[in-house]
């Protein structure tokens, strides 16, 4: 009886390893551009003590462009599969740096109280550090509150960046800006506390799961 040899494996049927995307891509380039625009925005905002309306308009334009790159780079990364470890780290840093510079710059000009700026900065960077600390326990997805916070911060900071004193009805515009920033600060604090609670629960859940696995392994051993 003749033995039949096993068929040779089909190379085409073997799984093909997909290489990770290069960090040199358009999404990351936009993220880096946003970081580079931060000092440009700061210079335009603070030029001559913020007394030049033309420079304030230019600063507002840079602020809008830099903020738009945040939306575009995220969409590109997800749609084209360009999500990289560099982007995961650089993108939130770019966001926090831009918004942080806006708060600090406006406080330097005396248009926002320093306690508002310090409160927002502590929350923003505290949450960023917290996410890095709990990432080994799991990922905390961004919620709707974070998007509302970002939107309110954007419009509030944009209004204060503009030369409101030169506007017709300047007092009304300033009141509108004050209300938006007040809402932004409130949402910023509330969402920050919510994230802190979720991070604590995530850590506790992860640790309980690890203990259960350890006890199960000990019983089986």
N, C-alpha and C. Protein backbone atom coordinates (compact mmCIF):
# COMPACT_ATOMS: atom_id res chain seq x y z
N UNK A 1 0.86 -1.19 0.00
CA UNK A 1 0.00 0.00 0.00
C UNK A 1 0.89 1.23 0.00
N UNK A 2 0.59 2.11 -0.96
CA UNK A 2 1.41 3.32 -1.07
C UNK A 2 0.87 4.39 -0.12
N UNK A 3 1.78 4.99 0.61
CA UNK A 3 1.35 6.08 1.51
C UNK A 3 1.28 7.38 0.74
N UNK A 4 0.27 8.14 1.09
CA UNK A 4 0.11 9.44 0.43
C UNK A 4 0.79 10.50 1.30
N UNK A 5 1.57 11.31 0.67
CA UNK A 5 2.23 12.39 1.41
C UNK A 5 1.22 13.50 1.69
N UNK A 6 1.41 14.15 2.84
CA UNK A 6 0.50 15.24 3.21
C UNK A 6 0.68 16.40 2.25
N UNK A 7 -0.41 17.06 1.89
CA UNK A 7 -0.29 18.19 0.96
C UNK A 7 0.53 19.31 1.57
N UNK A 8 1.32 19.92 0.73
CA UNK A 8 2.14 21.05 1.21
C UNK A 8 1.24 22.22 1.57
N UNK A 9 1.58 22.91 2.64
CA UNK A 9 0.75 24.05 3.03
C UNK A 9 0.77 25.13 1.95
N UNK A 10 -0.38 25.74 1.79
CA UNK A 10 -0.51 26.81 0.80
C UNK A 10 0.02 28.10 1.39
N UNK A 11 1.10 28.67 0.82
CA UNK A 11 1.65 29.92 1.38
C UNK A 11 0.63 31.03 1.40
N UNK A 12 -0.27 31.03 0.42
CA UNK A 12 -1.25 32.12 0.35
C UNK A 12 -2.24 32.07 1.49
N UNK A 13 -2.41 30.84 2.07
CA UNK A 13 -3.38 30.69 3.15
C UNK A 13 -2.80 31.07 4.51
N UNK A 14 -1.48 31.21 4.59
CA UNK A 14 -0.85 31.56 5.86
C UNK A 14 -1.18 33.00 6.22
N UNK A 15 -1.42 33.27 7.51
CA UNK A 15 -1.71 34.65 7.91
C UNK A 15 -0.52 35.56 7.66
N UNK A 16 -0.81 36.73 7.15
CA UNK A 16 0.23 37.70 6.85
C UNK A 16 0.28 38.74 7.96
N UNK A 17 1.44 38.90 8.55
CA UNK A 17 1.59 39.89 9.61
C UNK A 17 1.53 41.29 9.02
N UNK A 18 0.65 42.11 9.58
CA UNK A 18 0.52 43.48 9.10
C UNK A 18 1.46 44.37 9.91
N UNK A 19 2.40 45.02 9.25
CA UNK A 19 3.34 45.87 10.00
C UNK A 19 2.61 47.06 10.61
N UNK A 20 3.05 47.50 11.78
CA UNK A 20 2.41 48.67 12.39
C UNK A 20 2.66 49.91 11.54
N UNK A 21 1.75 50.87 11.58
CA UNK A 21 1.94 52.08 10.77
C UNK A 21 3.15 52.86 11.24
N UNK A 22 3.81 53.50 10.31
CA UNK A 22 4.98 54.32 10.65
C UNK A 22 4.54 55.57 11.40
N UNK A 23 5.38 56.01 12.32
CA UNK A 23 5.09 57.26 13.03
C UNK A 23 5.19 58.46 12.11
N UNK A 24 5.89 58.28 10.98
CA UNK A 24 6.01 59.37 10.00
C UNK A 24 4.78 59.33 9.10
N UNK A 25 3.69 59.91 9.57
CA UNK A 25 2.47 59.94 8.77
C UNK A 25 1.78 61.29 8.92
N UNK A 26 0.77 61.52 8.09
CA UNK A 26 0.12 62.83 8.03
C UNK A 26 -0.59 63.17 9.33
N UNK A 27 -1.17 62.16 9.99
CA UNK A 27 -1.88 62.43 11.25
C UNK A 27 -0.91 62.94 12.32
N UNK A 28 0.23 62.28 12.46
CA UNK A 28 1.21 62.73 13.45
C UNK A 28 1.83 64.06 13.05
N UNK A 29 1.96 64.30 11.74
CA UNK A 29 2.49 65.59 11.28
C UNK A 29 1.57 66.73 11.71
N UNK A 30 0.26 66.50 11.63
CA UNK A 30 -0.69 67.52 12.07
C UNK A 30 -0.61 67.74 13.58
N UNK A 31 -0.39 66.66 14.32
CA UNK A 31 -0.24 66.78 15.77
C UNK A 31 0.98 67.62 16.12
N UNK A 32 2.10 67.34 15.44
CA UNK A 32 3.32 68.12 15.68
C UNK A 32 3.11 69.57 15.26
N UNK A 33 2.39 69.79 14.17
CA UNK A 33 2.09 71.16 13.72
C UNK A 33 1.32 71.91 14.80
N UNK A 34 0.37 71.23 15.43
CA UNK A 34 -0.41 71.87 16.49
C UNK A 34 0.50 72.30 17.64
N UNK A 35 1.45 71.46 17.99
CA UNK A 35 2.39 71.82 19.06
C UNK A 35 3.23 73.02 18.65
N UNK A 36 3.68 73.05 17.39
CA UNK A 36 4.51 74.16 16.91
C UNK A 36 3.73 75.46 16.82
N UNK A 37 2.41 75.38 16.67
CA UNK A 37 1.59 76.59 16.59
C UNK A 37 1.36 77.23 17.95
N UNK A 38 1.61 76.49 19.02
CA UNK A 38 1.38 77.02 20.37
C UNK A 38 2.22 78.27 20.64
N UNK A 39 3.56 78.25 20.42
CA UNK A 39 4.33 79.48 20.66
C UNK A 39 3.96 80.60 19.70
N UNK A 40 3.52 80.27 18.50
CA UNK A 40 3.07 81.31 17.55
C UNK A 40 1.83 82.00 18.11
N UNK A 41 0.90 81.21 18.59
CA UNK A 41 -0.32 81.76 19.20
C UNK A 41 0.04 82.64 20.40
N UNK A 42 0.94 82.14 21.26
CA UNK A 42 1.32 82.89 22.46
C UNK A 42 1.94 84.23 22.09
N UNK A 43 2.82 84.24 21.09
CA UNK A 43 3.49 85.48 20.69
C UNK A 43 2.48 86.49 20.16
N UNK A 44 1.56 86.03 19.32
CA UNK A 44 0.56 86.93 18.76
C UNK A 44 -0.37 87.47 19.84
N UNK A 45 -0.75 86.62 20.78
CA UNK A 45 -1.67 87.02 21.84
C UNK A 45 -1.05 88.05 22.78
N UNK A 46 0.21 87.82 23.14
CA UNK A 46 0.87 88.65 24.16
C UNK A 46 1.62 89.83 23.57
N UNK A 47 1.68 89.95 22.26
CA UNK A 47 2.44 91.03 21.62
C UNK A 47 1.91 92.38 22.09
N UNK A 48 2.83 93.22 22.56
CA UNK A 48 2.50 94.58 23.01
C UNK A 48 1.40 94.55 24.07
N UNK A 49 1.49 93.57 24.96
CA UNK A 49 0.52 93.49 26.04
C UNK A 49 -0.89 93.19 25.60
N UNK A 50 -1.03 92.62 24.41
CA UNK A 50 -2.37 92.29 23.91
C UNK A 50 -3.18 93.48 23.48
N UNK A 51 -2.50 94.61 23.23
CA UNK A 51 -3.22 95.85 22.89
C UNK A 51 -3.41 96.05 21.40
N UNK A 52 -2.89 95.16 20.57
CA UNK A 52 -3.02 95.31 19.12
C UNK A 52 -4.16 94.44 18.60
N UNK A 53 -5.28 95.05 18.20
CA UNK A 53 -6.41 94.25 17.70
C UNK A 53 -6.04 93.32 16.55
N UNK A 54 -5.18 93.80 15.65
CA UNK A 54 -4.80 92.97 14.51
C UNK A 54 -4.07 91.71 14.95
N UNK A 55 -3.21 91.84 15.95
CA UNK A 55 -2.48 90.68 16.46
C UNK A 55 -3.42 89.73 17.18
N UNK A 56 -4.41 90.30 17.87
CA UNK A 56 -5.38 89.44 18.55
C UNK A 56 -6.21 88.64 17.54
N UNK A 57 -6.59 89.28 16.43
CA UNK A 57 -7.31 88.55 15.39
C UNK A 57 -6.44 87.44 14.80
N UNK A 58 -5.16 87.76 14.60
CA UNK A 58 -4.24 86.74 14.07
C UNK A 58 -4.09 85.58 15.06
N UNK A 59 -4.01 85.92 16.35
CA UNK A 59 -3.90 84.87 17.38
C UNK A 59 -5.15 83.99 17.36
N UNK A 60 -6.31 84.61 17.20
CA UNK A 60 -7.56 83.84 17.14
C UNK A 60 -7.56 82.91 15.93
N UNK A 61 -7.04 83.41 14.80
CA UNK A 61 -6.96 82.57 13.60
C UNK A 61 -6.06 81.36 13.81
N UNK A 62 -4.91 81.58 14.43
CA UNK A 62 -3.99 80.48 14.72
C UNK A 62 -4.64 79.49 15.68
N UNK A 63 -5.36 80.01 16.66
CA UNK A 63 -6.03 79.15 17.64
C UNK A 63 -7.06 78.25 16.96
N UNK A 64 -7.82 78.82 16.03
CA UNK A 64 -8.84 78.04 15.31
C UNK A 64 -8.17 76.96 14.45
N UNK A 65 -7.12 77.35 13.72
CA UNK A 65 -6.42 76.38 12.86
C UNK A 65 -5.83 75.25 13.69
N UNK A 66 -5.18 75.61 14.80
CA UNK A 66 -4.56 74.59 15.66
C UNK A 66 -5.62 73.65 16.22
N UNK A 67 -6.77 74.19 16.61
CA UNK A 67 -7.84 73.35 17.14
C UNK A 67 -8.41 72.43 16.07
N UNK A 68 -8.54 72.93 14.85
CA UNK A 68 -9.05 72.10 13.76
C UNK A 68 -8.13 70.93 13.45
N UNK A 69 -6.82 71.13 13.61
CA UNK A 69 -5.90 70.02 13.35
C UNK A 69 -6.16 68.86 14.30
N UNK A 70 -6.68 69.16 15.50
CA UNK A 70 -6.99 68.09 16.45
C UNK A 70 -8.09 67.19 15.89
N UNK A 71 -9.10 67.81 15.30
CA UNK A 71 -10.20 67.01 14.72
C UNK A 71 -9.72 66.24 13.49
N UNK A 72 -8.93 66.91 12.65
CA UNK A 72 -8.51 66.30 11.39
C UNK A 72 -7.54 65.14 11.63
N UNK A 73 -6.56 65.34 12.53
CA UNK A 73 -5.57 64.27 12.73
C UNK A 73 -6.21 63.03 13.33
N UNK A 74 -7.19 63.22 14.21
CA UNK A 74 -7.88 62.07 14.78
C UNK A 74 -8.68 61.30 13.74
N UNK A 75 -9.39 62.04 12.89
CA UNK A 75 -10.18 61.39 11.83
C UNK A 75 -9.28 60.64 10.86
N UNK A 76 -8.16 61.26 10.48
CA UNK A 76 -7.24 60.61 9.55
C UNK A 76 -6.64 59.34 10.15
N UNK A 77 -6.24 59.44 11.41
CA UNK A 77 -5.62 58.28 12.07
C UNK A 77 -6.57 57.09 12.12
N UNK A 78 -7.84 57.37 12.44
CA UNK A 78 -8.81 56.27 12.54
C UNK A 78 -9.20 55.74 11.16
N UNK A 79 -9.41 56.65 10.20
CA UNK A 79 -9.89 56.23 8.89
C UNK A 79 -8.83 55.50 8.08
N UNK A 80 -7.58 55.92 8.22
CA UNK A 80 -6.50 55.34 7.42
C UNK A 80 -5.64 54.35 8.20
N UNK A 81 -6.03 54.04 9.41
CA UNK A 81 -5.24 53.09 10.20
C UNK A 81 -3.87 53.61 10.56
N UNK A 82 -3.80 54.90 10.93
CA UNK A 82 -2.51 55.53 11.22
C UNK A 82 -2.32 55.76 12.72
N UNK A 83 -3.02 54.98 13.53
CA UNK A 83 -2.88 55.14 14.98
C UNK A 83 -1.55 54.54 15.43
N UNK A 84 -0.71 55.35 16.06
CA UNK A 84 0.61 54.91 16.51
C UNK A 84 0.78 55.23 17.99
N UNK A 85 1.78 54.60 18.60
CA UNK A 85 2.07 54.90 20.00
C UNK A 85 2.47 56.35 20.18
N UNK A 86 3.22 56.89 19.20
CA UNK A 86 3.60 58.30 19.27
C UNK A 86 2.36 59.18 19.29
N UNK A 87 1.42 58.89 18.40
CA UNK A 87 0.20 59.68 18.32
C UNK A 87 -0.63 59.61 19.59
N UNK A 88 -0.68 58.42 20.20
CA UNK A 88 -1.45 58.26 21.43
C UNK A 88 -0.91 59.14 22.55
N UNK A 89 0.40 59.36 22.54
CA UNK A 89 1.02 60.18 23.58
C UNK A 89 1.03 61.65 23.19
N UNK A 90 1.41 61.94 21.94
CA UNK A 90 1.58 63.32 21.50
C UNK A 90 0.26 64.07 21.37
N UNK A 91 -0.80 63.38 20.92
CA UNK A 91 -2.06 64.07 20.67
C UNK A 91 -2.65 64.71 21.93
N UNK A 92 -2.80 63.98 23.04
CA UNK A 92 -3.33 64.65 24.23
C UNK A 92 -2.39 65.71 24.78
N UNK A 93 -1.08 65.51 24.63
CA UNK A 93 -0.13 66.54 25.08
C UNK A 93 -0.30 67.81 24.26
N UNK A 94 -0.48 67.66 22.95
CA UNK A 94 -0.69 68.83 22.08
C UNK A 94 -1.96 69.57 22.47
N UNK A 95 -3.03 68.83 22.74
CA UNK A 95 -4.29 69.45 23.13
C UNK A 95 -4.14 70.24 24.43
N UNK A 96 -3.56 69.59 25.42
CA UNK A 96 -3.42 70.24 26.72
C UNK A 96 -2.49 71.44 26.65
N UNK A 97 -1.45 71.35 25.81
CA UNK A 97 -0.50 72.46 25.68
C UNK A 97 -1.17 73.67 25.05
N UNK A 98 -1.96 73.44 24.00
CA UNK A 98 -2.64 74.55 23.32
C UNK A 98 -3.63 75.23 24.25
N UNK A 99 -4.53 74.46 24.85
CA UNK A 99 -5.52 75.04 25.74
C UNK A 99 -4.86 75.66 26.97
N UNK A 100 -3.83 75.00 27.49
CA UNK A 100 -3.14 75.53 28.65
C UNK A 100 -2.49 76.87 28.36
N UNK A 101 -1.86 77.00 27.19
CA UNK A 101 -1.24 78.26 26.81
C UNK A 101 -2.27 79.36 26.67
N UNK A 102 -3.44 79.01 26.15
CA UNK A 102 -4.50 80.01 26.01
C UNK A 102 -4.94 80.52 27.38
N UNK A 103 -5.16 79.61 28.32
CA UNK A 103 -5.55 80.02 29.67
C UNK A 103 -4.47 80.87 30.33
N UNK A 104 -3.22 80.41 30.24
CA UNK A 104 -2.11 81.14 30.86
C UNK A 104 -1.94 82.52 30.22
N UNK A 105 -1.96 82.57 28.89
CA UNK A 105 -1.80 83.84 28.20
C UNK A 105 -2.88 84.84 28.56
N UNK A 106 -4.11 84.39 28.62
CA UNK A 106 -5.22 85.30 28.96
C UNK A 106 -5.14 85.73 30.42
N UNK A 107 -4.61 84.88 31.29
CA UNK A 107 -4.42 85.29 32.69
C UNK A 107 -3.29 86.31 32.80
N UNK A 108 -2.24 86.14 32.00
CA UNK A 108 -1.15 87.13 31.99
C UNK A 108 -1.68 88.49 31.59
N UNK A 109 -2.61 88.51 30.64
CA UNK A 109 -3.20 89.78 30.18
C UNK A 109 -4.25 90.31 31.15
N UNK A 110 -4.56 89.54 32.19
CA UNK A 110 -5.55 89.98 33.16
C UNK A 110 -6.99 89.79 32.72
N UNK A 111 -7.21 88.98 31.70
CA UNK A 111 -8.56 88.78 31.18
C UNK A 111 -9.24 87.54 31.75
N UNK A 112 -8.48 86.68 32.37
CA UNK A 112 -9.02 85.54 33.09
C UNK A 112 -8.35 85.47 34.46
N UNK A 113 -9.11 85.19 35.52
CA UNK A 113 -8.49 85.06 36.84
C UNK A 113 -7.51 83.89 36.87
N UNK A 114 -6.43 84.06 37.62
CA UNK A 114 -5.43 82.99 37.70
C UNK A 114 -5.99 81.74 38.35
N UNK A 115 -6.95 81.89 39.28
CA UNK A 115 -7.48 80.69 39.93
C UNK A 115 -8.22 79.81 38.92
N UNK A 116 -8.84 80.44 37.93
CA UNK A 116 -9.51 79.66 36.88
C UNK A 116 -8.48 78.86 36.09
N UNK A 117 -7.41 79.54 35.70
CA UNK A 117 -6.36 78.88 34.92
C UNK A 117 -5.72 77.73 35.69
N UNK A 118 -5.38 77.98 36.96
CA UNK A 118 -4.74 76.94 37.76
C UNK A 118 -5.67 75.75 37.98
N UNK A 119 -6.95 76.04 38.20
CA UNK A 119 -7.91 74.95 38.40
C UNK A 119 -8.02 74.07 37.16
N UNK A 120 -8.09 74.72 36.00
CA UNK A 120 -8.21 73.97 34.74
C UNK A 120 -6.93 73.18 34.46
N UNK A 121 -5.77 73.81 34.68
CA UNK A 121 -4.50 73.12 34.40
C UNK A 121 -4.31 71.90 35.30
N UNK A 122 -4.64 72.05 36.58
CA UNK A 122 -4.50 70.92 37.50
C UNK A 122 -5.41 69.79 37.06
N UNK A 123 -6.64 70.12 36.66
CA UNK A 123 -7.57 69.08 36.21
C UNK A 123 -7.06 68.40 34.94
N UNK A 124 -6.68 69.20 33.93
CA UNK A 124 -6.31 68.64 32.63
C UNK A 124 -5.08 67.75 32.73
N UNK A 125 -4.02 68.26 33.33
CA UNK A 125 -2.80 67.47 33.42
C UNK A 125 -2.94 66.35 34.44
N UNK A 126 -3.75 66.57 35.48
CA UNK A 126 -3.99 65.51 36.44
C UNK A 126 -4.69 64.32 35.81
N UNK A 127 -5.69 64.60 34.97
CA UNK A 127 -6.41 63.53 34.28
C UNK A 127 -5.49 62.80 33.31
N UNK A 128 -4.64 63.56 32.60
CA UNK A 128 -3.71 62.94 31.66
C UNK A 128 -2.77 61.98 32.38
N UNK A 129 -2.20 62.42 33.49
CA UNK A 129 -1.30 61.56 34.27
C UNK A 129 -2.06 60.36 34.82
N UNK A 130 -3.29 60.60 35.27
CA UNK A 130 -4.10 59.51 35.82
C UNK A 130 -4.37 58.44 34.78
N UNK A 131 -4.65 58.85 33.56
CA UNK A 131 -4.90 57.88 32.48
C UNK A 131 -3.67 57.01 32.23
N UNK A 132 -2.50 57.62 32.28
CA UNK A 132 -1.27 56.85 32.07
C UNK A 132 -1.05 55.85 33.20
N UNK A 133 -1.41 56.24 34.43
CA UNK A 133 -1.19 55.36 35.57
C UNK A 133 -2.12 54.15 35.55
N UNK A 134 -3.34 54.33 35.06
CA UNK A 134 -4.30 53.22 35.11
C UNK A 134 -4.40 52.47 33.79
N UNK A 135 -3.57 52.84 32.82
CA UNK A 135 -3.69 52.20 31.50
C UNK A 135 -3.42 50.69 31.58
N UNK A 136 -2.62 50.26 32.55
CA UNK A 136 -2.35 48.82 32.68
C UNK A 136 -3.57 48.07 33.20
N UNK A 137 -4.51 48.79 33.79
CA UNK A 137 -5.73 48.17 34.27
C UNK A 137 -6.84 48.18 33.22
N UNK A 138 -6.68 49.00 32.20
CA UNK A 138 -7.70 49.11 31.16
C UNK A 138 -7.74 50.52 30.61
N UNK A 139 -8.52 50.71 29.57
CA UNK A 139 -8.62 52.01 28.90
C UNK A 139 -9.92 52.69 29.31
N UNK A 140 -9.81 53.97 29.68
CA UNK A 140 -11.00 54.75 29.99
C UNK A 140 -11.38 55.56 28.75
N UNK A 141 -12.46 55.19 28.08
CA UNK A 141 -12.84 55.92 26.87
C UNK A 141 -13.32 57.32 27.20
N UNK A 142 -13.13 58.23 26.25
CA UNK A 142 -13.60 59.60 26.44
C UNK A 142 -15.13 59.62 26.41
N UNK A 143 -15.72 60.35 27.34
CA UNK A 143 -17.17 60.42 27.41
C UNK A 143 -17.70 61.69 26.76
N UNK A 144 -19.02 61.82 26.77
CA UNK A 144 -19.64 63.00 26.18
C UNK A 144 -19.28 64.26 26.94
N UNK A 145 -19.12 64.10 28.26
CA UNK A 145 -18.77 65.26 29.07
C UNK A 145 -17.47 65.89 28.64
N UNK A 146 -16.51 65.05 28.24
CA UNK A 146 -15.23 65.58 27.77
C UNK A 146 -15.37 66.39 26.50
N UNK A 147 -16.26 65.95 25.61
CA UNK A 147 -16.48 66.69 24.37
C UNK A 147 -17.17 68.02 24.64
N UNK A 148 -18.13 68.02 25.57
CA UNK A 148 -18.79 69.27 25.94
C UNK A 148 -17.79 70.23 26.56
N UNK A 149 -16.94 69.70 27.43
CA UNK A 149 -15.91 70.53 28.07
C UNK A 149 -14.99 71.16 27.04
N UNK A 150 -14.52 70.36 26.08
CA UNK A 150 -13.61 70.86 25.05
C UNK A 150 -14.28 71.93 24.20
N UNK A 151 -15.55 71.72 23.85
CA UNK A 151 -16.27 72.69 23.04
C UNK A 151 -16.45 74.01 23.78
N UNK A 152 -16.84 73.94 25.04
CA UNK A 152 -17.01 75.16 25.83
C UNK A 152 -15.69 75.89 26.02
N UNK A 153 -14.63 75.15 26.30
CA UNK A 153 -13.32 75.78 26.45
C UNK A 153 -12.91 76.47 25.15
N UNK A 154 -13.13 75.81 24.04
CA UNK A 154 -12.73 76.39 22.75
C UNK A 154 -13.43 77.72 22.51
N UNK A 155 -14.75 77.76 22.63
CA UNK A 155 -15.48 78.99 22.33
C UNK A 155 -15.19 80.08 23.36
N UNK A 156 -15.06 79.70 24.63
CA UNK A 156 -14.73 80.69 25.64
C UNK A 156 -13.36 81.31 25.42
N UNK A 157 -12.36 80.47 25.17
CA UNK A 157 -11.00 80.98 24.94
C UNK A 157 -10.92 81.76 23.63
N UNK A 158 -11.65 81.31 22.62
CA UNK A 158 -11.64 82.04 21.35
C UNK A 158 -12.20 83.45 21.52
N UNK A 159 -13.31 83.57 22.25
CA UNK A 159 -13.89 84.90 22.46
C UNK A 159 -12.94 85.81 23.22
N UNK A 160 -12.30 85.28 24.27
CA UNK A 160 -11.38 86.11 25.04
C UNK A 160 -10.10 86.42 24.26
N UNK A 161 -9.74 85.57 23.31
CA UNK A 161 -8.58 85.85 22.47
C UNK A 161 -8.86 87.03 21.55
N UNK A 162 -10.09 87.15 21.08
CA UNK A 162 -10.46 88.25 20.19
C UNK A 162 -10.40 89.58 20.94
N UNK A 163 -10.18 90.69 20.21
CA UNK A 163 -10.13 92.01 20.86
C UNK A 163 -11.53 92.50 21.19
N UNK A 164 -12.15 91.94 22.21
CA UNK A 164 -13.54 92.26 22.53
C UNK A 164 -13.74 93.73 22.86
N UNK A 165 -12.71 94.37 23.41
CA UNK A 165 -12.84 95.78 23.78
C UNK A 165 -13.11 96.66 22.57
N UNK A 166 -12.70 96.21 21.39
CA UNK A 166 -12.91 97.01 20.17
C UNK A 166 -14.24 96.69 19.49
N UNK A 167 -15.00 95.74 20.05
CA UNK A 167 -16.27 95.34 19.44
C UNK A 167 -17.36 96.34 19.79
N UNK A 168 -18.35 96.45 18.90
CA UNK A 168 -19.57 97.16 19.24
C UNK A 168 -20.35 96.30 20.22
N UNK A 169 -20.77 96.90 21.34
CA UNK A 169 -21.41 96.11 22.39
C UNK A 169 -20.41 95.23 23.11
N UNK A 170 -19.25 95.80 23.42
CA UNK A 170 -18.16 95.04 24.03
C UNK A 170 -18.58 94.40 25.35
N UNK A 171 -19.38 95.13 26.15
CA UNK A 171 -19.79 94.58 27.44
C UNK A 171 -20.62 93.31 27.28
N UNK A 172 -21.49 93.31 26.27
CA UNK A 172 -22.32 92.13 26.03
C UNK A 172 -21.46 90.94 25.62
N UNK A 173 -20.51 91.18 24.72
CA UNK A 173 -19.62 90.11 24.27
C UNK A 173 -18.79 89.57 25.43
N UNK A 174 -18.34 90.48 26.29
CA UNK A 174 -17.54 90.04 27.45
C UNK A 174 -18.38 89.20 28.40
N UNK A 175 -19.64 89.60 28.59
CA UNK A 175 -20.53 88.81 29.45
C UNK A 175 -20.76 87.42 28.88
N UNK A 176 -20.97 87.34 27.56
CA UNK A 176 -21.14 86.04 26.90
C UNK A 176 -19.91 85.17 27.11
N UNK A 177 -18.72 85.78 26.93
CA UNK A 177 -17.47 85.03 27.12
C UNK A 177 -17.33 84.56 28.56
N UNK A 178 -17.71 85.43 29.52
CA UNK A 178 -17.63 85.05 30.93
C UNK A 178 -18.53 83.86 31.24
N UNK A 179 -19.74 83.89 30.69
CA UNK A 179 -20.69 82.80 30.95
C UNK A 179 -20.18 81.48 30.37
N UNK A 180 -19.65 81.54 29.15
CA UNK A 180 -19.14 80.32 28.51
C UNK A 180 -17.97 79.74 29.30
N UNK A 181 -17.05 80.61 29.73
CA UNK A 181 -15.90 80.14 30.51
C UNK A 181 -16.36 79.57 31.85
N UNK A 182 -17.35 80.21 32.48
CA UNK A 182 -17.87 79.69 33.75
C UNK A 182 -18.46 78.29 33.56
N UNK A 183 -19.21 78.11 32.47
CA UNK A 183 -19.75 76.78 32.17
C UNK A 183 -18.62 75.79 31.90
N UNK A 184 -17.61 76.26 31.16
CA UNK A 184 -16.48 75.38 30.83
C UNK A 184 -15.76 74.92 32.09
N UNK A 185 -15.54 75.85 33.02
CA UNK A 185 -14.85 75.49 34.27
C UNK A 185 -15.68 74.50 35.08
N UNK A 186 -16.99 74.74 35.13
CA UNK A 186 -17.87 73.83 35.87
C UNK A 186 -17.82 72.42 35.29
N UNK A 187 -17.97 72.32 33.97
CA UNK A 187 -17.94 71.01 33.32
C UNK A 187 -16.56 70.37 33.46
N UNK A 188 -15.51 71.20 33.41
CA UNK A 188 -14.14 70.70 33.55
C UNK A 188 -13.95 70.03 34.91
N UNK A 189 -14.42 70.68 35.96
CA UNK A 189 -14.27 70.13 37.31
C UNK A 189 -15.12 68.87 37.49
N UNK A 190 -16.38 68.94 37.04
CA UNK A 190 -17.29 67.79 37.21
C UNK A 190 -16.77 66.56 36.46
N UNK A 191 -16.35 66.76 35.21
CA UNK A 191 -15.85 65.62 34.43
C UNK A 191 -14.53 65.10 35.01
N UNK A 192 -13.73 65.99 35.57
CA UNK A 192 -12.49 65.56 36.20
C UNK A 192 -12.74 64.65 37.39
N UNK A 193 -13.71 65.03 38.22
CA UNK A 193 -14.07 64.19 39.36
C UNK A 193 -14.64 62.86 38.90
N UNK A 194 -15.46 62.90 37.84
CA UNK A 194 -16.05 61.67 37.30
C UNK A 194 -14.97 60.72 36.80
N UNK A 195 -13.97 61.27 36.11
CA UNK A 195 -12.88 60.43 35.60
C UNK A 195 -12.07 59.83 36.75
N UNK A 196 -11.85 60.62 37.81
CA UNK A 196 -11.11 60.12 38.96
C UNK A 196 -11.84 58.94 39.61
N UNK A 197 -13.16 59.06 39.73
CA UNK A 197 -13.96 57.96 40.31
C UNK A 197 -13.89 56.73 39.41
N UNK A 198 -14.03 56.93 38.09
CA UNK A 198 -13.97 55.80 37.15
C UNK A 198 -12.60 55.12 37.18
N UNK A 199 -11.55 55.93 37.31
CA UNK A 199 -10.20 55.36 37.36
C UNK A 199 -10.03 54.50 38.60
N UNK A 200 -10.56 54.98 39.73
CA UNK A 200 -10.47 54.21 40.97
C UNK A 200 -11.23 52.89 40.85
N UNK A 201 -12.43 52.95 40.27
CA UNK A 201 -13.23 51.72 40.09
C UNK A 201 -12.54 50.76 39.13
N UNK A 202 -11.95 51.31 38.06
CA UNK A 202 -11.26 50.46 37.09
C UNK A 202 -10.10 49.74 37.74
N UNK A 203 -9.35 50.46 38.57
CA UNK A 203 -8.22 49.84 39.27
C UNK A 203 -8.70 48.77 40.23
N UNK A 204 -9.76 49.06 40.98
CA UNK A 204 -10.27 48.08 41.94
C UNK A 204 -10.79 46.83 41.24
N UNK A 205 -11.50 47.03 40.13
CA UNK A 205 -12.02 45.89 39.37
C UNK A 205 -10.89 45.04 38.82
N UNK A 206 -9.86 45.70 38.30
CA UNK A 206 -8.72 44.98 37.74
C UNK A 206 -7.99 44.19 38.82
N UNK A 207 -7.81 44.81 39.99
CA UNK A 207 -7.10 44.12 41.07
C UNK A 207 -7.91 42.94 41.60
N UNK A 208 -9.24 43.09 41.68
CA UNK A 208 -10.07 41.97 42.13
C UNK A 208 -10.01 40.81 41.13
N UNK A 209 -10.03 41.15 39.84
CA UNK A 209 -9.93 40.10 38.81
C UNK A 209 -8.60 39.38 38.89
N UNK A 210 -7.52 40.14 39.15
CA UNK A 210 -6.20 39.53 39.26
C UNK A 210 -6.13 38.60 40.47
N UNK A 211 -6.75 39.00 41.58
CA UNK A 211 -6.75 38.16 42.78
C UNK A 211 -7.54 36.88 42.54
N UNK A 212 -8.68 36.99 41.83
CA UNK A 212 -9.47 35.80 41.53
C UNK A 212 -8.69 34.82 40.66
N UNK A 213 -7.99 35.36 39.66
CA UNK A 213 -7.18 34.50 38.79
C UNK A 213 -6.07 33.82 39.57
N UNK A 214 -5.46 34.57 40.49
CA UNK A 214 -4.38 34.00 41.29
C UNK A 214 -4.89 32.88 42.19
N UNK A 215 -6.07 33.07 42.82
CA UNK A 215 -6.63 32.03 43.68
C UNK A 215 -7.03 30.81 42.87
N UNK A 216 -7.58 31.04 41.67
CA UNK A 216 -7.97 29.92 40.82
C UNK A 216 -6.75 29.11 40.40
N UNK A 217 -5.67 29.83 40.05
CA UNK A 217 -4.44 29.15 39.65
C UNK A 217 -3.85 28.36 40.82
N UNK A 218 -3.96 28.92 42.04
CA UNK A 218 -3.42 28.23 43.22
C UNK A 218 -4.19 26.94 43.50
N UNK A 219 -5.54 27.00 43.33
CA UNK A 219 -6.33 25.80 43.57
C UNK A 219 -6.04 24.72 42.53
N UNK A 220 -5.86 25.14 41.28
CA UNK A 220 -5.56 24.18 40.22
C UNK A 220 -4.17 23.59 40.37
N UNK A 221 -3.24 24.38 40.96
CA UNK A 221 -1.89 23.88 41.15
C UNK A 221 -1.82 22.93 42.32
